[in-house]
Amino acid sequence: MPRLPYDYYDLLTTGHAPAFDAEAAYRFLSEHHDPLCDMRLAHWRGDIDDAEFWRVMRQYQGANGGFKGGIDPDYTGDVGSIHSTIEAMRILIAHQQFDGEEIGKLLDFLHATVLPDGSWQEIPEVLQNPKCPAWYQPAQFRICETSCLAGYALEFGAYDLWTNAVRYIRQTWLQMPDAPTAHPYWSVLLLLGRSTTSSDRSIALDALDNLNAFVRNRKIDAWDCSAIVEILVGLDALDVNDTLLRLLAMLGAAQDPDDGGIRTEYGDTLRIGATFNALMAVALLMQRGLVETNG
């Protein structure tokens, strides 16, 4: 039976969408090669070891310890950037890579670039690149960058970075106006979703309420859906199953019925990565017992 086009009304009112077709997604990846995603898929399946994983990843680490062009297809510079490093840390955690010389360089980069208030914004060397993406430009509130870097850094044992970042979020959260995207909300859940202090939990619940409003009422791009799923499945203390089901529906609706790849509004250069990320997100949802797939 052919897939129906994306139906906003049906998805947003019922949460229903075509089931994610894992077999079609695999076919898409086998036909559209990318060195990073090819390596990740092989490592995920156990076809290559950690040494081979790092042989590829090392090519994307800059001299400053941050990660550079290729991890984030929007950025082609040779200087390790804040935003590319966020994506690299997401990859490292997904593949359970927490030790080694490269990790030490990564943490050195984070310590060298953190601002006195505990936050991060894109570094000047990257911003001066004429090909720097427009969305790398610093915003008044650096909640997404700060929450992502510190939240992921906690997985590598960088507790000092987490503590200082939380202080920044506590000070700025109530000052932030309603966001035009869901990014601040899901990133704060990464940072504070497992905290047990009352003030942090209050912020986390506020972030979840705002995220739920986005998921109920707006389309979230598939690239972001996968990142949100990765975060929410680790938050056992919060009621997130309905949110996860709606994100799954969005992933299914974003899958192209002709080639099995994921459609993303961020551009065709991200389709391969978005398809791989969606497969990983669906695997996590299968482990949670929430997913129905075709294939």
Protein backbone atom coordinates (compact mmCIF):
# COMPACT_ATOMS: atom_id res chain seq x y z
CA MET A 1 0.00 0.00 0.00
CA PRO A 2 1.57 3.35 -0.96
CA ARG A 3 2.42 5.83 1.76
CA LEU A 4 0.14 8.82 2.21
CA PRO A 5 1.58 12.32 2.00
CA TYR A 6 2.38 14.09 5.26
CA ASP A 7 -1.00 14.90 6.83
CA TYR A 8 -0.54 17.62 9.41
CA TYR A 9 -4.06 17.51 10.73
CA ASP A 10 -4.08 13.76 11.27
CA LEU A 11 -0.63 13.74 12.83
CA LEU A 12 -1.15 16.69 15.15
CA THR A 13 -4.61 15.69 16.32
CA THR A 14 -4.16 11.92 16.66
CA GLY A 15 -0.41 11.32 16.59
CA HIS A 16 -0.90 8.86 13.73
CA ALA A 17 1.44 8.66 10.76
CA PRO A 18 2.87 5.94 8.54
CA ALA A 19 4.97 3.43 10.47
CA PHE A 20 8.71 3.86 10.10
CA ASP A 21 10.06 1.40 7.53
CA ALA A 22 13.45 0.29 8.87
CA GLU A 23 14.16 -1.95 5.89
CA ALA A 24 13.65 0.93 3.47
CA ALA A 25 15.91 3.14 5.56
CA TYR A 26 18.66 0.51 5.43
CA ARG A 27 18.28 0.30 1.66
CA PHE A 28 18.61 4.06 1.38
CA LEU A 29 21.84 4.04 3.40
CA SER A 30 23.25 1.18 1.32
CA GLU A 31 22.62 3.17 -1.85
CA HIS A 32 23.74 6.62 -0.61
CA HIS A 33 27.20 6.45 0.88
CA ASP A 34 28.79 8.87 3.31
CA PRO A 35 32.11 7.99 5.03
CA LEU A 36 30.93 8.97 8.49
CA CYS A 37 27.55 7.24 8.32
CA ASP A 38 29.03 4.17 6.63
CA MET A 39 31.49 3.86 9.51
CA ARG A 40 28.81 4.45 12.13
CA LEU A 41 26.52 1.83 10.64
CA ALA A 42 29.36 -0.70 10.50
CA HIS A 43 30.37 0.04 14.12
CA TRP A 44 26.75 -0.13 15.27
CA ARG A 45 26.38 -3.57 13.66
CA GLY A 46 29.70 -4.76 15.13
CA ASP A 47 31.41 -5.09 11.74
CA ILE A 48 34.33 -2.83 12.79
CA ASP A 49 36.08 -2.24 16.10
CA ASP A 50 36.70 0.93 18.12
CA ALA A 51 40.08 1.50 16.49
CA GLU A 52 38.45 1.74 13.06
CA PHE A 53 35.76 3.99 14.52
CA TRP A 54 38.44 6.40 15.69
CA ARG A 55 40.41 6.18 12.45
CA VAL A 56 37.45 7.89 10.80
CA MET A 57 36.40 10.18 13.66
CA ARG A 58 39.94 11.49 14.10
CA GLN A 59 39.73 13.05 10.64
CA TYR A 60 37.03 15.39 11.92
CA GLN A 61 38.83 16.59 15.04
CA GLY A 62 40.53 19.95 14.69
CA ALA A 63 43.87 21.01 16.11
CA ASN A 64 42.06 22.87 18.89
CA GLY A 65 40.35 19.66 20.06
CA GLY A 66 36.92 20.61 18.79
CA PHE A 67 35.32 18.96 15.78
CA LYS A 68 35.14 20.49 12.33
CA GLY A 69 33.59 20.30 8.87
CA GLY A 70 31.81 17.11 7.95
CA ILE A 71 30.38 16.28 11.36
CA ASP A 72 27.99 19.16 10.70
CA PRO A 73 27.57 19.33 6.90
CA ASP A 74 26.64 23.03 7.16
CA TYR A 75 30.15 23.92 8.32
CA THR A 76 33.16 23.24 6.10
CA GLY A 77 35.88 25.04 8.04
CA ASP A 78 39.08 23.46 9.38
CA VAL A 79 38.78 25.02 12.85
CA GLY A 80 36.95 22.94 15.42
CA SER A 81 33.62 24.62 16.19
CA ILE A 82 31.22 24.64 19.11
CA HIS A 83 28.26 23.47 17.03
CA SER A 84 30.16 20.69 15.25
CA THR A 85 31.48 19.54 18.62
CA ILE A 86 27.92 19.20 19.91
CA GLU A 87 27.15 16.79 17.08
CA ALA A 88 30.42 14.92 17.63
CA MET A 89 29.66 14.42 21.32
CA ARG A 90 26.22 13.09 20.41
CA ILE A 91 27.92 10.56 18.12
CA LEU A 92 30.55 9.55 20.68
CA ILE A 93 27.94 8.91 23.35
CA ALA A 94 25.75 6.91 20.96
CA HIS A 95 28.74 4.68 20.23
CA GLN A 96 29.85 4.47 23.86
CA GLN A 97 33.24 6.13 23.31
CA PHE A 98 34.27 7.82 26.56
CA ASP A 99 38.04 7.34 26.85
CA GLY A 100 41.24 8.04 24.95
CA GLU A 101 43.54 10.84 23.88
CA GLU A 102 40.91 12.32 21.56
CA ILE A 103 38.44 12.63 24.43
CA GLY A 104 41.06 14.46 26.47
CA LYS A 105 41.55 16.94 23.62
CA LEU A 106 37.79 17.38 23.35
CA LEU A 107 37.44 18.20 27.05
CA ASP A 108 40.41 20.58 26.82
CA PHE A 109 38.55 22.38 24.01
CA LEU A 110 35.43 22.71 26.15
CA HIS A 111 37.40 24.07 29.10
CA ALA A 112 39.24 26.52 26.85
CA THR A 113 36.08 27.90 25.22
CA VAL A 114 33.65 28.10 28.14
CA LEU A 115 32.78 31.68 29.06
CA PRO A 116 33.15 33.05 32.62
CA ASP A 117 29.41 32.66 33.26
CA GLY A 118 29.55 28.93 32.43
CA SER A 119 28.00 29.21 28.97
CA TRP A 120 29.29 28.71 25.42
CA GLN A 121 28.85 30.53 22.16
CA GLU A 122 30.53 29.91 18.82
CA ILE A 123 34.23 30.79 18.90
CA PRO A 124 35.57 33.87 17.04
CA GLU A 125 37.81 31.86 14.67
CA VAL A 126 34.73 30.08 13.32
CA LEU A 127 32.52 33.17 13.20
CA GLN A 128 35.16 34.94 11.09
CA ASN A 129 34.92 32.25 8.41
CA PRO A 130 32.86 33.69 5.52
CA LYS A 131 31.22 30.27 5.10
CA CYS A 132 30.14 30.11 8.75
CA PRO A 133 26.42 29.17 8.86
CA ALA A 134 24.12 32.01 9.87
CA TRP A 135 22.69 30.00 12.75
CA TYR A 136 26.16 29.81 14.36
CA GLN A 137 25.95 33.52 15.21
CA PRO A 138 25.67 34.15 18.96
CA ALA A 139 22.22 34.72 20.42
CA GLN A 140 21.36 36.70 23.52
CA PHE A 141 20.57 33.49 25.39
CA ARG A 142 23.00 30.64 24.84
CA ILE A 143 20.76 28.02 26.36
CA CYS A 144 20.89 25.40 23.60
CA GLU A 145 24.67 25.40 23.08
CA THR A 146 25.34 25.47 26.81
CA SER A 147 22.84 22.77 27.73
CA CYS A 148 24.00 20.44 24.96
CA LEU A 149 27.72 20.76 25.64
CA ALA A 150 27.43 20.51 29.42
CA GLY A 151 24.76 17.82 29.28
CA TYR A 152 26.86 15.66 26.99
CA ALA A 153 30.06 16.51 28.91
CA LEU A 154 28.55 14.98 32.02
CA GLU A 155 28.73 11.60 30.27
CA PHE A 156 32.51 12.10 30.05
CA GLY A 157 32.86 12.98 33.74
CA ALA A 158 33.20 16.76 33.29
CA TYR A 159 31.15 17.62 36.37
CA ASP A 160 32.65 21.09 36.73
CA LEU A 161 31.36 22.09 33.31
CA TRP A 162 27.90 20.77 34.18
CA THR A 163 27.79 22.64 37.49
CA ASN A 164 28.75 25.99 35.97
CA ALA A 165 26.37 25.54 33.03
CA VAL A 166 23.47 24.77 35.37
CA ARG A 167 24.19 28.00 37.23
CA TYR A 168 23.91 29.88 33.92
CA ILE A 169 20.63 28.17 33.01
CA ARG A 170 19.12 28.86 36.42
CA GLN A 171 19.97 32.56 36.06
CA THR A 172 18.66 32.97 32.50
CA TRP A 173 15.74 30.54 32.15
CA LEU A 174 12.99 32.87 33.32
CA GLN A 175 14.43 35.75 31.28
CA MET A 176 14.18 33.86 28.01
CA PRO A 177 11.14 34.77 25.89
CA ASP A 178 9.06 32.06 24.22
CA ALA A 179 11.37 30.34 21.75
CA PRO A 180 10.50 30.03 18.04
CA THR A 181 11.94 26.50 18.00
CA ALA A 182 11.97 23.57 20.42
CA HIS A 183 15.76 23.56 20.74
CA PRO A 184 16.05 25.30 24.13
CA TYR A 185 13.48 22.97 25.64
CA TRP A 186 14.90 19.61 24.63
CA SER A 187 18.47 20.74 25.30
CA VAL A 188 17.56 21.81 28.85
CA LEU A 189 16.05 18.36 29.39
CA LEU A 190 19.42 16.91 28.41
CA LEU A 191 21.07 19.10 31.03
CA LEU A 192 18.53 18.95 33.88
CA GLY A 193 16.18 16.08 33.14
CA ARG A 194 17.92 13.77 35.60
CA SER A 195 18.65 16.35 38.30
CA THR A 196 16.91 15.74 41.62
CA THR A 197 17.08 19.25 43.09
CA SER A 198 13.73 21.02 43.30
CA SER A 199 14.85 24.13 41.38
CA ASP A 200 16.33 22.07 38.53
CA ARG A 201 13.31 19.79 38.39
CA SER A 202 11.03 22.82 38.15
CA ILE A 203 12.96 24.08 35.13
CA ALA A 204 12.99 20.60 33.57
CA LEU A 205 9.22 20.24 33.95
CA ASP A 206 8.71 23.69 32.43
CA ALA A 207 10.95 22.68 29.53
CA LEU A 208 8.98 19.46 29.06
CA ASP A 209 5.67 21.35 29.05
CA ASN A 210 6.98 23.67 26.36
CA LEU A 211 8.41 20.77 24.35
CA ASN A 212 5.08 18.96 24.55
CA ALA A 213 3.33 22.06 23.24
CA PHE A 214 5.64 22.03 20.22
CA VAL A 215 5.15 18.31 19.63
CA ARG A 216 1.36 18.63 19.84
CA ASN A 217 0.97 21.70 17.70
CA ARG A 218 3.87 21.97 15.26
CA LYS A 219 6.02 19.86 13.00
CA ILE A 220 9.51 19.19 14.36
CA ASP A 221 12.16 18.37 11.78
CA ALA A 222 13.20 14.71 11.70
CA TRP A 223 16.83 15.60 12.49
CA ASP A 224 15.69 17.17 15.76
CA CYS A 225 13.14 14.40 16.42
CA SER A 226 15.97 11.85 16.58
CA ALA A 227 18.01 13.98 18.99
CA ILE A 228 14.98 14.50 21.22
CA VAL A 229 14.23 10.77 21.28
CA GLU A 230 17.81 10.01 22.33
CA ILE A 231 17.43 12.39 25.27
CA LEU A 232 13.93 11.45 26.40
CA VAL A 233 14.45 7.68 26.50
CA GLY A 234 16.97 8.24 29.30
CA LEU A 235 14.56 10.22 31.48
CA ASP A 236 12.79 7.51 33.45
CA ALA A 237 11.62 9.96 36.12
CA LEU A 238 9.51 11.98 33.66
CA ASP A 239 6.34 10.96 31.82
CA VAL A 240 7.50 11.14 28.21
CA ASN A 241 5.90 8.16 26.46
CA ASP A 242 3.20 10.18 24.70
CA THR A 243 5.83 12.64 23.52
CA LEU A 244 7.98 9.79 22.21
CA LEU A 245 5.04 8.31 20.29
CA ARG A 246 4.36 11.63 18.59
CA LEU A 247 8.04 12.01 17.69
CA LEU A 248 7.95 8.50 16.23
CA ALA A 249 4.93 9.53 14.16
CA MET A 250 6.88 12.51 12.84
CA LEU A 251 9.81 10.28 11.90
CA GLY A 252 7.48 7.94 10.02
CA ALA A 253 5.86 10.86 8.23
CA ALA A 254 9.26 12.30 7.27
CA GLN A 255 10.32 9.09 5.50
CA ASP A 256 10.21 9.37 1.74
CA PRO A 257 7.88 6.66 0.38
CA ASP A 258 9.95 6.30 -2.79
CA ASP A 259 13.54 5.91 -1.56
CA GLY A 260 13.15 5.23 2.18
CA GLY A 261 15.36 8.14 3.20
CA ILE A 262 14.41 10.83 5.69
CA ARG A 263 13.32 14.23 4.43
CA THR A 264 14.70 17.16 6.40
CA GLU A 265 14.09 20.85 5.97
CA TYR A 266 17.74 21.44 6.84
CA GLY A 267 18.79 20.43 3.35
CA ASP A 268 19.63 17.39 1.24
CA THR A 269 23.19 17.23 2.60
CA LEU A 270 21.71 16.04 5.90
CA ARG A 271 19.47 13.30 4.46
CA ILE A 272 21.95 10.47 4.98
CA GLY A 273 22.74 11.51 8.54
CA ALA A 274 19.07 12.10 9.30
CA THR A 275 18.20 8.61 8.03
CA PHE A 276 20.90 6.97 10.15
CA ASN A 277 19.86 8.97 13.22
CA ALA A 278 16.24 8.00 12.68
CA LEU A 279 17.21 4.32 12.57
CA MET A 280 19.04 4.67 15.88
CA ALA A 281 16.12 6.55 17.42
CA VAL A 282 13.66 3.87 16.30
CA ALA A 283 15.96 1.19 17.76
CA LEU A 284 15.82 2.99 21.11
CA LEU A 285 12.04 3.14 20.91
CA MET A 286 11.92 -0.57 20.09
CA GLN A 287 13.91 -1.24 23.25
CA ARG A 288 11.33 0.81 25.16
CA GLY A 289 8.49 -1.19 23.57
CA LEU A 290 6.87 1.80 21.91
CA VAL A 291 7.57 1.28 18.25
CA GLU A 292 5.77 -0.40 15.36
CA THR A 293 7.86 -0.73 12.21
CA ASN A 294 7.47 -1.96 8.68
CA GLY A 295 10.49 -4.11 7.88
